[in-house]
Protein backbone atom coordinates (compact mmCIF):
# COMPACT_ATOMS: atom_id res chain seq x y z
CA MET A 1 -0.25 -0.17 -0.12
CA THR A 2 1.17 3.40 -1.12
CA GLU A 3 1.32 6.69 1.42
CA THR A 4 -1.32 8.15 -0.74
CA GLN A 5 -4.20 4.83 -0.35
CA THR A 6 -4.67 6.54 2.95
CA ALA A 7 -8.47 5.79 3.16
CA GLU A 8 -7.98 1.86 3.43
CA HIS A 9 -5.33 2.53 6.30
CA HIS A 10 -6.21 0.86 9.00
CA PRO A 11 -5.31 2.61 12.62
CA ALA A 12 -3.73 0.56 15.08
CA LYS A 13 -4.97 0.65 18.81
CA PRO A 14 -5.29 4.26 19.85
CA PRO A 15 -2.45 5.65 22.75
CA ALA A 16 -4.61 5.24 25.55
CA ARG A 17 -2.85 7.35 27.82
CA LEU A 18 -2.80 10.93 25.74
CA LEU A 19 -6.22 10.67 24.24
CA ALA A 20 -9.38 8.54 24.90
CA GLY A 21 -12.85 8.07 24.93
CA ALA A 22 -15.34 7.79 22.06
CA PRO A 23 -15.59 11.28 20.35
CA LEU A 24 -18.41 12.95 22.92
CA LEU A 25 -20.18 14.93 20.07
CA GLU A 26 -19.38 12.95 17.03
CA GLY A 27 -23.19 13.58 16.60
CA ARG A 28 -22.89 17.29 16.44
CA HIS A 29 -23.06 18.77 12.33
CA VAL A 30 -20.73 21.20 11.52
CA SER A 31 -18.99 21.84 8.29
CA VAL A 32 -15.10 21.05 8.34
CA SER A 33 -13.81 21.41 4.69
CA ALA A 34 -10.94 19.53 5.95
CA PRO A 35 -10.93 15.34 5.06
CA GLU A 36 -9.38 15.17 8.77
CA ALA A 37 -9.78 16.65 11.87
CA ILE A 38 -10.18 16.05 15.25
CA LEU A 39 -10.98 17.98 18.40
CA VAL A 40 -9.67 17.23 21.98
CA ASP A 41 -9.75 18.40 25.61
CA ALA A 42 -6.71 19.08 26.14
CA HIS A 43 -6.76 18.88 30.02
CA THR A 44 -8.49 15.34 30.32
CA GLY A 45 -7.49 13.93 26.82
CA ARG A 46 -11.07 13.48 25.95
CA VAL A 47 -11.93 12.92 22.26
CA LEU A 48 -15.06 15.46 21.52
CA TRP A 49 -15.26 15.44 17.62
CA THR A 50 -13.48 13.80 14.82
CA LYS A 51 -13.32 13.34 11.47
CA ARG A 52 -11.13 9.99 9.64
CA ALA A 53 -8.66 10.91 12.49
CA HIS A 54 -6.93 8.10 11.72
CA GLU A 55 -5.62 8.51 8.15
CA ARG A 56 -1.86 9.07 7.52
CA ARG A 57 -1.09 12.07 6.03
CA LYS A 58 1.61 14.57 5.25
CA ILE A 59 2.31 16.82 8.14
CA ALA A 60 4.78 19.50 6.80
CA SER A 61 6.09 21.79 9.56
CA LEU A 62 3.85 19.93 12.25
CA THR A 63 6.68 17.96 12.97
CA LYS A 64 8.45 20.83 14.38
CA ILE A 65 5.77 19.79 17.65
CA MET A 66 8.09 17.26 18.03
CA THR A 67 11.02 18.22 17.25
CA ALA A 68 10.85 21.00 19.88
CA THR A 69 9.34 18.32 22.35
CA LEU A 70 12.62 16.78 22.36
CA ALA A 71 14.97 19.71 21.60
CA LEU A 72 13.83 21.58 24.67
CA ARG A 73 14.91 18.89 26.81
CA ALA A 74 18.52 18.17 24.98
CA VAL A 75 19.40 21.84 24.33
CA PRO A 76 20.06 23.42 27.09
CA TRP A 77 18.21 26.97 26.71
CA LYS A 78 20.71 29.64 27.12
CA SER A 79 23.51 27.81 25.93
CA THR A 80 25.50 28.63 22.85
CA VAL A 81 25.67 26.95 20.00
CA THR A 82 27.64 26.47 16.78
CA VAL A 83 26.31 26.04 13.64
CA ASP A 84 27.33 23.48 11.82
CA LYS A 85 28.35 23.43 8.13
CA ARG A 86 25.41 20.94 7.41
CA VAL A 87 22.20 22.46 7.86
CA THR A 88 23.09 25.27 5.29
CA THR A 89 22.37 23.14 2.16
CA VAL A 90 18.36 22.48 4.10
CA PRO A 91 16.00 23.63 1.02
CA LEU A 92 12.80 26.15 1.14
CA VAL A 93 12.48 28.47 4.33
CA LYS A 94 15.55 29.38 6.10
CA GLU A 95 16.54 31.00 8.99
CA GLY A 96 19.67 31.60 7.20
CA LEU A 97 22.39 30.37 9.42
CA ARG A 98 26.42 30.35 8.86
CA ALA A 99 28.38 27.92 9.07
CA GLY A 100 30.59 28.52 12.37
CA GLU A 101 28.53 30.91 13.49
CA ARG A 102 27.35 31.09 17.60
CA VAL A 103 23.65 31.24 18.53
CA LYS A 104 22.42 31.12 21.89
CA ALA A 105 19.62 28.10 21.54
CA TRP A 106 16.89 30.12 22.70
CA LYS A 107 16.71 32.37 19.12
CA LEU A 108 16.34 28.93 17.57
CA PHE A 109 13.44 27.81 19.78
CA TYR A 110 11.68 31.11 18.53
CA ALA A 111 13.08 30.84 15.09
CA LEU A 112 11.61 26.85 14.43
CA LEU A 113 8.55 27.67 16.15
CA LEU A 114 7.34 31.34 14.87
CA TYR A 115 9.42 31.64 11.61
CA SER A 116 9.61 27.78 11.19
CA GLY A 117 13.25 28.16 9.68
CA ASN A 118 14.12 24.27 8.29
CA ASP A 119 17.68 25.43 9.15
CA ASP A 120 17.36 26.38 12.63
CA ALA A 121 15.26 22.02 12.98
CA ALA A 122 18.59 20.93 11.18
CA GLN A 123 20.64 22.80 13.82
CA LEU A 124 18.50 21.72 16.71
CA ALA A 125 18.81 18.26 15.67
CA ILE A 126 22.69 18.01 15.44
CA SER A 127 22.45 19.90 18.82
CA SER A 128 20.46 17.66 20.53
CA ALA A 129 21.82 14.27 19.13
CA GLY A 130 25.16 15.09 16.84
CA SER A 131 23.34 14.13 13.53
CA ILE A 132 20.64 14.51 12.05
CA HIS A 133 20.00 10.92 11.74
CA GLY A 134 20.40 10.48 15.16
CA PHE A 135 17.60 12.31 16.26
CA LEU A 136 15.49 10.83 13.33
CA ARG A 137 15.69 7.63 15.64
CA GLN A 138 15.31 9.67 18.66
CA MET A 139 11.61 11.36 17.14
CA ASN A 140 10.83 7.51 16.12
CA ALA A 141 11.38 6.11 19.11
CA LYS A 142 9.51 8.90 21.11
CA ALA A 143 7.20 8.70 18.50
CA HIS A 144 6.50 4.78 19.53
CA ALA A 145 7.00 4.84 23.13
CA LEU A 146 4.26 7.25 22.88
CA GLY A 147 2.02 5.17 21.36
CA LEU A 148 1.40 6.97 18.16
CA HIS A 149 1.65 4.39 15.94
CA ASP A 150 0.32 6.17 12.73
CA THR A 151 3.62 8.65 12.81
CA HIS A 152 6.66 8.46 10.99
CA TYR A 153 9.42 10.90 10.54
CA ARG A 154 11.71 11.48 7.73
CA SER A 155 13.27 14.94 8.51
CA PRO A 156 13.21 17.45 11.79
CA SER A 157 11.58 20.19 9.56
CA GLY A 158 8.90 18.50 7.97
CA VAL A 159 10.14 19.69 4.58
CA ILE A 160 10.68 16.12 3.35
CA ASP A 161 7.17 14.59 2.59
CA GLU A 162 7.91 11.08 1.22
CA GLY A 163 8.18 8.88 4.15
CA ASN A 164 7.02 11.68 6.50
CA PHE A 165 3.53 11.63 8.07
CA SER A 166 1.29 11.02 10.72
CA THR A 167 -2.67 11.90 11.81
CA ALA A 168 -5.44 14.29 13.53
CA TRP A 169 -5.26 11.95 16.30
CA ASP A 170 -1.40 10.81 17.00
CA LEU A 171 -0.86 14.91 16.42
CA ALA A 172 -3.40 15.91 19.09
CA ALA A 173 -1.92 12.93 21.47
CA LEU A 174 1.56 14.82 20.82
CA THR A 175 0.47 18.66 21.15
CA ARG A 176 -1.16 17.47 24.30
CA TYR A 177 1.97 15.31 25.97
CA ALA A 178 3.78 18.84 24.37
CA LEU A 179 2.15 21.29 26.18
CA ARG A 180 3.27 19.68 29.66
CA ASN A 181 6.34 21.70 28.90
CA PRO A 182 6.03 25.14 29.94
CA ARG A 183 8.85 26.54 27.97
CA PHE A 184 6.78 24.81 25.19
CA ARG A 185 3.16 26.61 26.10
CA SER A 186 5.36 29.87 26.19
CA LEU A 187 6.81 29.55 22.73
CA VAL A 188 3.78 28.45 20.73
CA LYS A 189 1.54 31.27 22.14
CA THR A 190 3.86 34.47 21.40
CA LYS A 191 2.88 36.24 18.77
CA ARG A 192 5.75 38.69 18.05
CA ILE A 193 9.35 39.07 19.43
CA GLN A 194 12.22 41.12 18.16
CA VAL A 195 15.91 39.24 18.68
CA ARG A 196 19.00 41.23 18.55
CA TRP A 197 21.07 38.07 16.32
CA SER A 198 24.80 39.18 16.23
CA LYS A 199 25.17 43.45 16.36
CA PRO A 200 23.43 45.56 18.76
CA THR A 201 21.74 47.02 15.20
CA ASN A 202 21.06 43.29 13.76
CA SER A 203 17.67 42.39 14.86
CA LYS A 204 15.27 40.18 13.66
CA ILE A 205 11.27 40.20 14.42
CA TYR A 206 9.38 36.84 14.41
CA LEU A 207 5.83 36.93 13.23
CA ASN A 208 4.06 34.06 14.55
CA ASN A 209 2.59 32.66 11.37
CA ASN A 210 -0.66 31.25 13.44
CA TYR A 211 -3.06 33.68 12.49
CA LEU A 212 -5.71 32.63 15.26
CA LEU A 213 -3.42 34.26 17.73
CA HIS A 214 -4.44 37.50 16.49
CA ALA A 215 -8.10 36.67 15.24
CA TYR A 216 -9.41 33.83 17.95
CA ARG A 217 -10.15 35.13 21.66
CA GLY A 218 -8.49 32.67 24.06
CA ALA A 219 -6.06 31.13 21.34
CA ASN A 220 -2.26 29.96 22.49
CA GLY A 221 -0.62 27.86 20.12
CA VAL A 222 0.61 26.01 18.93
CA LYS A 223 1.92 25.59 14.55
CA THR A 224 1.13 25.93 10.93
CA GLY A 225 2.63 23.73 8.30
CA TYR A 226 2.22 23.51 4.60
CA THR A 227 3.90 22.10 1.39
CA HIS A 228 2.45 21.17 -1.77
CA ALA A 229 1.74 17.67 -0.93
CA SER A 230 0.27 18.22 2.19
CA GLY A 231 -1.41 21.28 1.71
CA TRP A 232 -2.67 23.26 4.96
CA CYS A 233 -1.89 22.03 7.80
CA LEU A 234 -3.19 23.42 11.55
CA VAL A 235 -2.61 22.54 14.89
CA ALA A 236 -4.69 25.43 16.59
CA THR A 237 -5.18 25.52 21.00
CA ALA A 238 -7.38 27.85 22.53
CA THR A 239 -8.33 28.68 26.32
CA ARG A 240 -11.58 29.60 27.49
CA HIS A 241 -12.67 29.69 31.12
CA GLY A 242 -10.08 27.36 32.22
CA ARG A 243 -10.91 25.02 29.65
CA LYS A 244 -8.10 24.58 26.79
CA LEU A 245 -9.05 23.05 23.51
CA ILE A 246 -6.74 21.64 20.96
CA ALA A 247 -7.98 21.16 17.61
CA VAL A 248 -5.95 19.60 14.35
CA ILE A 249 -7.03 20.05 10.79
CA LEU A 250 -4.94 18.41 7.93
CA ASP A 251 -4.96 18.78 4.08
CA SER A 252 -8.08 21.92 4.45
CA PRO A 253 -8.88 24.79 2.21
CA ASN A 254 -9.74 26.44 5.13
CA MET A 255 -7.38 25.21 7.99
CA TYR A 256 -8.33 28.43 10.12
CA GLY A 257 -12.30 28.40 9.07
CA ASP A 258 -11.92 24.96 10.61
CA ALA A 259 -10.59 25.49 13.33
CA ARG A 260 -12.45 27.89 14.71
CA THR A 261 -15.58 25.48 13.47
CA LEU A 262 -14.33 22.76 16.23
CA LEU A 263 -12.93 25.10 18.92
CA ASN A 264 -16.36 27.03 18.40
CA LEU A 265 -17.96 23.47 19.08
CA GLY A 266 -16.06 22.36 21.96
CA PHE A 267 -16.66 25.82 23.93
CA SER A 268 -20.15 25.54 23.13
CA HIS A 269 -20.15 22.43 24.62
CA GLY A 270 -19.81 23.59 27.99
C-alpha cells in the first residue's frame, strides 16, 4: 500500500495514555472542509469530535512539534550553539544560519516555532543528538513510546514529505504531551518577538505564522504547516474559562475557518 492510499489504512489501537473516549460530540453536525480533523479536551484527553482522524497524511512543518519537544529537553535554553555546516544546505524556508556562527539556543527555538525555519530545525537536531539521523531515530522512538503508531519522521523540519507522515489523532496526542512543558507553551503562544542577533543594530522580528493568535479569542498555539503535498495544516489551541481545547486540521482549503468551527463547537458544549 502506498502513502496515498490513506482511506484504506486500518489504524492501530489509539494511545490510551494521551487521548481517550469515543468522540463525545460525534453526532453534532459541523461543516469542516478538511478531509481529516479532530477536537480534543487538552486537560482530560477526552476526544470530542473526529473526522477520519486515523488516516495517515503528510504533515509538513507540524513535524516541528516533535522536534521542539525533544530539543527542549536536550539543548539548554541559554546555551550557545555553533552552527554546523550541514544545516546551511537544507531547502526552502531558512533562517539563514551561517556555518561556524555562534547562536544562543533560545533564538533557534523561537525561529523554529514562529518563523518555522528548516535550518533551525536541522541545527537543533544536530545539537540534540549529534546528527540529523541520530535525532530522527529519537523522534521515531519517542513517537513509538507515546503510542503514536501512525506517525513516522524523515526530517526534523517536515520539508521532506516522502515517508514523513502522521494523523490528526496522533498530532493531538503529541500536542497534549508537548503542552506539559511550560517553555513549549510559552513559545507557541508568542505572537511577536524582536531578537538581537549578532550586533546591537542587527535584530530580527519573528511574527508567529499562526493567524488565530491574533484573530480568535483565547487562542494560544500551536503550529502551522504547508507543502504542496501536505496542503494547509494546523494544530490550534485555545483556552476559555479555564478550559483548553486542541484542534487539528489537515490538508484544508480553509484551515483557520475549520479550526474556528471546531473550537467554537467545543466551547459551546460547556
